[in-house]
């Protein structure tokens, strides 16, 4: 399955909280759902739950997710 990388704008506090949850083996549901919604907005169908990859170092801070997407097969 192909992957789509999604970057979500965030603030430093939220990014820190999402990273801490990830390191503790937990999920930040709000950002995961936002990543899934972004895949739909871009016209793709998510094939699996978004996977948290990390945060960017730039400004603004962004949360990074990889999402498996379905191939568009037309016959």
PDB file of N, CA and C in Angstrom:
ATOM      1  N   UNK A   1       0.837  -1.182   0.000  1.00  0.00           N
ATOM      2  CA  UNK A   1       0.000   0.000   0.000  1.00  0.00           C
ATOM      3  C   UNK A   1       0.883   1.247   0.000  1.00  0.00           C
ATOM      4  N   UNK A   2       0.510   2.213  -0.817  1.00  0.00           N
ATOM      5  CA  UNK A   2       1.263   3.469  -0.808  1.00  0.00           C
ATOM      6  C   UNK A   2       1.004   4.270   0.466  1.00  0.00           C
ATOM      7  N   UNK A   3       1.990   5.051   0.840  1.00  0.00           N
ATOM      8  CA  UNK A   3       1.882   5.915   2.019  1.00  0.00           C
ATOM      9  C   UNK A   3       1.721   7.364   1.589  1.00  0.00           C
ATOM     10  N   UNK A   4       0.923   8.085   2.345  1.00  0.00           N
ATOM     11  CA  UNK A   4       0.808   9.526   2.162  1.00  0.00           C
ATOM     12  C   UNK A   4       1.304  10.172   3.451  1.00  0.00           C
ATOM     13  N   UNK A   5       2.264  11.067   3.335  1.00  0.00           N
ATOM     14  CA  UNK A   5       2.782  11.770   4.514  1.00  0.00           C
ATOM     15  C   UNK A   5       1.961  13.041   4.714  1.00  0.00           C
ATOM     16  N   UNK A   6       1.454  13.189   5.918  1.00  0.00           N
ATOM     17  CA  UNK A   6       0.611  14.322   6.269  1.00  0.00           C
ATOM     18  C   UNK A   6       1.319  15.141   7.341  1.00  0.00           C
ATOM     19  N   UNK A   7       1.375  16.458   7.143  1.00  0.00           N
ATOM     20  CA  UNK A   7       1.928  17.362   8.149  1.00  0.00           C
ATOM     21  C   UNK A   7       0.825  18.304   8.609  1.00  0.00           C
ATOM     22  N   UNK A   8       0.594  18.322   9.903  1.00  0.00           N
ATOM     23  CA  UNK A   8      -0.453  19.150  10.494  1.00  0.00           C
ATOM     24  C   UNK A   8       0.173  20.280  11.294  1.00  0.00           C
ATOM     25  N   UNK A   9      -0.251  21.509  11.033  1.00  0.00           N
ATOM     26  CA  UNK A   9       0.228  22.640  11.832  1.00  0.00           C
ATOM     27  C   UNK A   9      -0.162  22.434  13.290  1.00  0.00           C
ATOM     28  N   UNK A  10       0.720  22.819  14.186  1.00  0.00           N
ATOM     29  CA  UNK A  10       0.481  22.641  15.615  1.00  0.00           C
ATOM     30  C   UNK A  10       1.194  23.751  16.374  1.00  0.00           C
ATOM     31  N   UNK A  11       1.037  23.743  17.675  1.00  0.00           N
ATOM     32  CA  UNK A  11       1.822  24.639  18.518  1.00  0.00           C
ATOM     33  C   UNK A  11       2.790  23.775  19.326  1.00  0.00           C
ATOM     34  N   UNK A  12       3.768  24.404  19.940  1.00  0.00           N
ATOM     35  CA  UNK A  12       4.810  23.645  20.646  1.00  0.00           C
ATOM     36  C   UNK A  12       4.249  22.813  21.788  1.00  0.00           C
ATOM     37  N   UNK A  13       3.286  23.347  22.519  1.00  0.00           N
ATOM     38  CA  UNK A  13       2.710  22.612  23.648  1.00  0.00           C
ATOM     39  C   UNK A  13       1.988  21.353  23.201  1.00  0.00           C
ATOM     40  N   UNK A  14       1.184  21.479  22.159  1.00  0.00           N
ATOM     41  CA  UNK A  14       0.463  20.313  21.644  1.00  0.00           C
ATOM     42  C   UNK A  14       1.439  19.296  21.072  1.00  0.00           C
ATOM     43  N   UNK A  15       2.431  19.769  20.326  1.00  0.00           N
ATOM     44  CA  UNK A  15       3.416  18.859  19.742  1.00  0.00           C
ATOM     45  C   UNK A  15       4.156  18.087  20.834  1.00  0.00           C
ATOM     46  N   UNK A  16       4.502  18.766  21.900  1.00  0.00           N
ATOM     47  CA  UNK A  16       5.192  18.113  23.020  1.00  0.00           C
ATOM     48  C   UNK A  16       4.292  17.041  23.645  1.00  0.00           C
ATOM     49  N   UNK A  17       3.005  17.379  23.816  1.00  0.00           N
ATOM     50  CA  UNK A  17       2.050  16.446  24.415  1.00  0.00           C
ATOM     51  C   UNK A  17       1.841  15.217  23.516  1.00  0.00           C
ATOM     52  N   UNK A  18       1.718  15.437  22.203  1.00  0.00           N
ATOM     53  CA  UNK A  18       1.537  14.324  21.266  1.00  0.00           C
ATOM     54  C   UNK A  18       2.759  13.416  21.291  1.00  0.00           C
ATOM     55  N   UNK A  19       3.954  14.004  21.303  1.00  0.00           N
ATOM     56  CA  UNK A  19       5.186  13.218  21.339  1.00  0.00           C
ATOM     57  C   UNK A  19       5.288  12.417  22.635  1.00  0.00           C
ATOM     58  N   UNK A  20       4.947  13.024  23.764  1.00  0.00           N
ATOM     59  CA  UNK A  20       4.986  12.306  25.047  1.00  0.00           C
ATOM     60  C   UNK A  20       3.999  11.145  25.060  1.00  0.00           C
ATOM     61  N   UNK A  21       2.806  11.356  24.531  1.00  0.00           N
ATOM     62  CA  UNK A  21       1.824  10.269  24.450  1.00  0.00           C
ATOM     63  C   UNK A  21       2.356   9.136  23.581  1.00  0.00           C
ATOM     64  N   UNK A  22       2.948   9.496  22.440  1.00  0.00           N
ATOM     65  CA  UNK A  22       3.491   8.478  21.533  1.00  0.00           C
ATOM     66  C   UNK A  22       4.588   7.661  22.220  1.00  0.00           C
ATOM     67  N   UNK A  23       5.483   8.337  22.917  1.00  0.00           N
ATOM     68  CA  UNK A  23       6.568   7.634  23.608  1.00  0.00           C
ATOM     69  C   UNK A  23       6.044   6.735  24.724  1.00  0.00           C
ATOM     70  N   UNK A  24       4.878   7.073  25.269  1.00  0.00           N
ATOM     71  CA  UNK A  24       4.256   6.255  26.317  1.00  0.00           C
ATOM     72  C   UNK A  24       3.374   5.153  25.729  1.00  0.00           C
ATOM     73  N   UNK A  25       3.337   5.051  24.390  1.00  0.00           N
ATOM     74  CA  UNK A  25       2.538   4.013  23.744  1.00  0.00           C
ATOM     75  C   UNK A  25       1.060   4.353  23.647  1.00  0.00           C
ATOM     76  N   UNK A  26       0.738   5.641  23.780  1.00  0.00           N
ATOM     77  CA  UNK A  26      -0.658   6.076  23.721  1.00  0.00           C
ATOM     78  C   UNK A  26      -0.901   6.878  22.449  1.00  0.00           C
ATOM     79  N   UNK A  27      -2.155   7.258  22.235  1.00  0.00           N
ATOM     80  CA  UNK A  27      -2.549   7.930  20.999  1.00  0.00           C
ATOM     81  C   UNK A  27      -3.177   9.278  21.315  1.00  0.00           C
ATOM     82  N   UNK A  28      -2.815  10.291  20.543  1.00  0.00           N
ATOM     83  CA  UNK A  28      -3.492  11.590  20.597  1.00  0.00           C
ATOM     84  C   UNK A  28      -4.568  11.542  19.508  1.00  0.00           C
ATOM     85  N   UNK A  29      -5.783  11.225  19.919  1.00  0.00           N
ATOM     86  CA  UNK A  29      -6.857  10.938  18.977  1.00  0.00           C
ATOM     87  C   UNK A  29      -7.224  12.138  18.107  1.00  0.00           C
ATOM     88  N   UNK A  30      -7.177  13.323  18.663  1.00  0.00           N
ATOM     89  CA  UNK A  30      -7.562  14.511  17.898  1.00  0.00           C
ATOM     90  C   UNK A  30      -6.655  14.711  16.685  1.00  0.00           C
ATOM     91  N   UNK A  31      -5.346  14.602  16.869  1.00  0.00           N
ATOM     92  CA  UNK A  31      -4.436  14.801  15.740  1.00  0.00           C
ATOM     93  C   UNK A  31      -4.483  13.620  14.776  1.00  0.00           C
ATOM     94  N   UNK A  32      -4.673  12.406  15.294  1.00  0.00           N
ATOM     95  CA  UNK A  32      -4.790  11.241  14.408  1.00  0.00           C
ATOM     96  C   UNK A  32      -6.019  11.391  13.509  1.00  0.00           C
ATOM     97  N   UNK A  33      -7.137  11.835  14.091  1.00  0.00           N
ATOM     98  CA  UNK A  33      -8.352  12.038  13.303  1.00  0.00           C
ATOM     99  C   UNK A  33      -8.168  13.163  12.285  1.00  0.00           C
ATOM    100  N   UNK A  34      -7.432  14.204  12.663  1.00  0.00           N
ATOM    101  CA  UNK A  34      -7.165  15.306  11.737  1.00  0.00           C
ATOM    102  C   UNK A  34      -6.317  14.831  10.556  1.00  0.00           C
ATOM    103  N   UNK A  35      -5.361  13.932  10.809  1.00  0.00           N
ATOM    104  CA  UNK A  35      -4.543  13.376   9.728  1.00  0.00           C
ATOM    105  C   UNK A  35      -5.415  12.559   8.778  1.00  0.00           C
ATOM    106  N   UNK A  36      -6.314  11.756   9.325  1.00  0.00           N
ATOM    107  CA  UNK A  36      -7.223  10.959   8.497  1.00  0.00           C
ATOM    108  C   UNK A  36      -8.122  11.878   7.662  1.00  0.00           C
ATOM    109  N   UNK A  37      -8.641  12.929   8.276  1.00  0.00           N
ATOM    110  CA  UNK A  37      -9.497  13.876   7.559  1.00  0.00           C
ATOM    111  C   UNK A  37      -8.743  14.565   6.427  1.00  0.00           C
ATOM    112  N   UNK A  38      -7.463  14.856   6.639  1.00  0.00           N
ATOM    113  CA  UNK A  38      -6.653  15.496   5.599  1.00  0.00           C
ATOM    114  C   UNK A  38      -6.470  14.567   4.401  1.00  0.00           C
ATOM    115  N   UNK A  39      -6.316  13.272   4.648  1.00  0.00           N
ATOM    116  CA  UNK A  39      -6.208  12.304   3.550  1.00  0.00           C
ATOM    117  C   UNK A  39      -7.496  12.331   2.727  1.00  0.00           C
ATOM    118  N   UNK A  40      -8.641  12.297   3.402  1.00  0.00           N
ATOM    119  CA  UNK A  40      -9.928  12.372   2.698  1.00  0.00           C
ATOM    120  C   UNK A  40     -10.029  13.683   1.916  1.00  0.00           C
ATOM    121  N   UNK A  41      -9.597  14.792   2.524  1.00  0.00           N
ATOM    122  CA  UNK A  41      -9.674  16.091   1.866  1.00  0.00           C
ATOM    123  C   UNK A  41      -8.852  16.117   0.583  1.00  0.00           C
ATOM    124  N   UNK A  42      -7.759  15.364   0.569  1.00  0.00           N
ATOM    125  CA  UNK A  42      -6.897  15.300  -0.621  1.00  0.00           C
ATOM    126  C   UNK A  42      -7.394  14.291  -1.653  1.00  0.00           C
ATOM    127  N   UNK A  43      -8.553  13.696  -1.397  1.00  0.00           N
ATOM    128  CA  UNK A  43      -9.167  12.819  -2.390  1.00  0.00           C
ATOM    129  C   UNK A  43      -8.717  11.375  -2.350  1.00  0.00           C
ATOM    130  N   UNK A  44      -8.116  10.946  -1.271  1.00  0.00           N
ATOM    131  CA  UNK A  44      -7.669   9.557  -1.125  1.00  0.00           C
ATOM    132  C   UNK A  44      -8.473   8.864  -0.045  1.00  0.00           C
ATOM    133  N   UNK A  45      -8.457   7.540  -0.076  1.00  0.00           N
ATOM    134  CA  UNK A  45      -9.155   6.739   0.921  1.00  0.00           C
ATOM    135  C   UNK A  45      -8.132   6.108   1.854  1.00  0.00           C
ATOM    136  N   UNK A  46      -8.193   6.398   3.144  1.00  0.00           N
ATOM    137  CA  UNK A  46      -7.263   5.766   4.091  1.00  0.00           C
ATOM    138  C   UNK A  46      -7.498   4.257   4.140  1.00  0.00           C
ATOM    139  N   UNK A  47      -6.412   3.491   4.135  1.00  0.00           N
ATOM    140  CA  UNK A  47      -6.508   2.035   4.206  1.00  0.00           C
ATOM    141  C   UNK A  47      -6.187   1.528   5.606  1.00  0.00           C
ATOM    142  N   UNK A  48      -5.649   2.383   6.453  1.00  0.00           N
ATOM    143  CA  UNK A  48      -5.271   1.998   7.819  1.00  0.00           C
ATOM    144  C   UNK A  48      -5.256   3.261   8.675  1.00  0.00           C
ATOM    145  N   UNK A  49      -5.085   3.058   9.967  1.00  0.00           N
ATOM    146  CA  UNK A  49      -5.002   4.195  10.886  1.00  0.00           C
ATOM    147  C   UNK A  49      -3.709   4.977  10.629  1.00  0.00           C
ATOM    148  N   UNK A  50      -3.761   6.307  10.749  1.00  0.00           N
ATOM    149  CA  UNK A  50      -2.542   7.105  10.630  1.00  0.00           C
ATOM    150  C   UNK A  50      -1.514   6.699  11.693  1.00  0.00           C
ATOM    151  N   UNK A  51      -0.243   6.728  11.301  1.00  0.00           N
ATOM    152  CA  UNK A  51       0.860   6.373  12.194  1.00  0.00           C
ATOM    153  C   UNK A  51       1.677   7.636  12.471  1.00  0.00           C
ATOM    154  N   UNK A  52       1.811   7.979  13.752  1.00  0.00           N
ATOM    155  CA  UNK A  52       2.593   9.158  14.130  1.00  0.00           C
ATOM    156  C   UNK A  52       4.061   8.903  13.837  1.00  0.00           C
ATOM    157  N   UNK A  53       4.690   9.850  13.122  1.00  0.00           N
ATOM    158  CA  UNK A  53       6.097   9.726  12.750  1.00  0.00           C
ATOM    159  C   UNK A  53       6.971  10.627  13.611  1.00  0.00           C
ATOM    160  N   UNK A  54       6.488  11.840  13.898  1.00  0.00           N
ATOM    161  CA  UNK A  54       7.276  12.758  14.710  1.00  0.00           C
ATOM    162  C   UNK A  54       6.805  14.183  14.540  1.00  0.00           C
ATOM    163  N   UNK A  55       7.660  15.110  14.944  1.00  0.00           N
ATOM    164  CA  UNK A  55       7.361  16.537  14.811  1.00  0.00           C
ATOM    165  C   UNK A  55       8.509  17.205  14.065  1.00  0.00           C
ATOM    166  N   UNK A  56       8.191  18.297  13.382  1.00  0.00           N
ATOM    167  CA  UNK A  56       9.230  19.051  12.687  1.00  0.00           C
ATOM    168  C   UNK A  56       9.886  20.025  13.662  1.00  0.00           C
ATOM    169  N   UNK A  57      11.058  20.509  13.298  1.00  0.00           N
ATOM    170  CA  UNK A  57      11.784  21.457  14.142  1.00  0.00           C
ATOM    171  C   UNK A  57      11.520  22.903  13.760  1.00  0.00           C
ATOM    172  N   UNK A  58      10.871  23.118  12.622  1.00  0.00           N
ATOM    173  CA  UNK A  58      10.682  24.474  12.117  1.00  0.00           C
ATOM    174  C   UNK A  58       9.537  25.214  12.781  1.00  0.00           C
ATOM    175  N   UNK A  59       9.294  26.400  12.275  1.00  0.00           N
ATOM    176  CA  UNK A  59       8.166  27.222  12.714  1.00  0.00           C
ATOM    177  C   UNK A  59       7.241  27.399  11.529  1.00  0.00           C
ATOM    178  N   UNK A  60       5.984  27.075  11.603  1.00  0.00           N
ATOM    179  CA  UNK A  60       5.328  26.506  12.775  1.00  0.00           C
ATOM    180  C   UNK A  60       5.696  25.037  12.946  1.00  0.00           C
ATOM    181  N   UNK A  61       5.575  24.566  14.160  1.00  0.00           N
ATOM    182  CA  UNK A  61       5.799  23.149  14.442  1.00  0.00           C
ATOM    183  C   UNK A  61       4.702  22.368  13.738  1.00  0.00           C
ATOM    184  N   UNK A  62       5.059  21.223  13.159  1.00  0.00           N
ATOM    185  CA  UNK A  62       4.067  20.379  12.491  1.00  0.00           C
ATOM    186  C   UNK A  62       4.151  18.962  13.038  1.00  0.00           C
ATOM    187  N   UNK A  63       2.991  18.344  13.168  1.00  0.00           N
ATOM    188  CA  UNK A  63       2.911  16.930  13.519  1.00  0.00           C
ATOM    189  C   UNK A  63       2.965  16.152  12.215  1.00  0.00           C
ATOM    190  N   UNK A  64       3.742  15.077  12.178  1.00  0.00           N
ATOM    191  CA  UNK A  64       3.915  14.311  10.951  1.00  0.00           C
ATOM    192  C   UNK A  64       3.310  12.924  11.136  1.00  0.00           C
ATOM    193  N   UNK A  65       2.436  12.553  10.206  1.00  0.00           N
ATOM    194  CA  UNK A  65       1.794  11.241  10.201  1.00  0.00           C
ATOM    195  C   UNK A  65       1.987  10.595   8.840  1.00  0.00           C
ATOM    196  N   UNK A  66       2.137   9.272   8.821  1.00  0.00           N
ATOM    197  CA  UNK A  66       2.086   8.489   7.592  1.00  0.00           C
ATOM    198  C   UNK A  66       0.775   7.732   7.586  1.00  0.00           C
ATOM    199  N   UNK A  67       0.092   7.761   6.440  1.00  0.00           N
ATOM    200  CA  UNK A  67      -1.195   7.090   6.315  1.00  0.00           C
ATOM    201  C   UNK A  67      -1.164   6.216   5.071  1.00  0.00           C
ATOM    202  N   UNK A  68      -1.451   4.930   5.239  1.00  0.00           N
ATOM    203  CA  UNK A  68      -1.590   4.054   4.079  1.00  0.00           C
ATOM    204  C   UNK A  68      -2.879   4.413   3.365  1.00  0.00           C
ATOM    205  N   UNK A  69      -2.801   4.509   2.032  1.00  0.00           N
ATOM    206  CA  UNK A  69      -3.978   4.854   1.243  1.00  0.00           C
ATOM    207  C   UNK A  69      -4.239   3.776   0.203  1.00  0.00           C
ATOM    208  N   UNK A  70      -5.497   3.649  -0.178  1.00  0.00           N
ATOM    209  CA  UNK A  70      -5.894   2.687  -1.205  1.00  0.00           C
ATOM    210  C   UNK A  70      -5.484   3.213  -2.571  1.00  0.00           C
ATOM    211  N   UNK A  71      -5.091   2.290  -3.441  1.00  0.00           N
ATOM    212  CA  UNK A  71      -4.813   2.652  -4.821  1.00  0.00           C
ATOM    213  C   UNK A  71      -6.128   2.888  -5.539  1.00  0.00           C
ATOM    214  N   UNK A  72      -6.157   3.892  -6.397  1.00  0.00           N
ATOM    215  CA  UNK A  72      -7.346   4.137  -7.213  1.00  0.00           C
ATOM    216  C   UNK A  72      -7.233   3.280  -8.464  1.00  0.00           C
ATOM    217  N   UNK A  73      -8.028   2.224  -8.519  1.00  0.00           N
ATOM    218  CA  UNK A  73      -7.990   1.301  -9.654  1.00  0.00           C
ATOM    219  C   UNK A  73      -9.314   1.432 -10.401  1.00  0.00           C
ATOM    220  N   UNK A  74      -9.216   1.823 -11.655  1.00  0.00           N
ATOM    221  CA  UNK A  74     -10.415   1.922 -12.481  1.00  0.00           C
ATOM    222  C   UNK A  74     -10.294   0.943 -13.636  1.00  0.00           C
ATOM    223  N   UNK A  75     -11.390   0.382 -14.030  1.00  0.00           N
ATOM    224  CA  UNK A  75     -11.343  -0.658 -15.059  1.00  0.00           C
ATOM    225  C   UNK A  75     -11.920  -0.307 -16.350  1.00  0.00           C
TER     226      UNK A  75
END
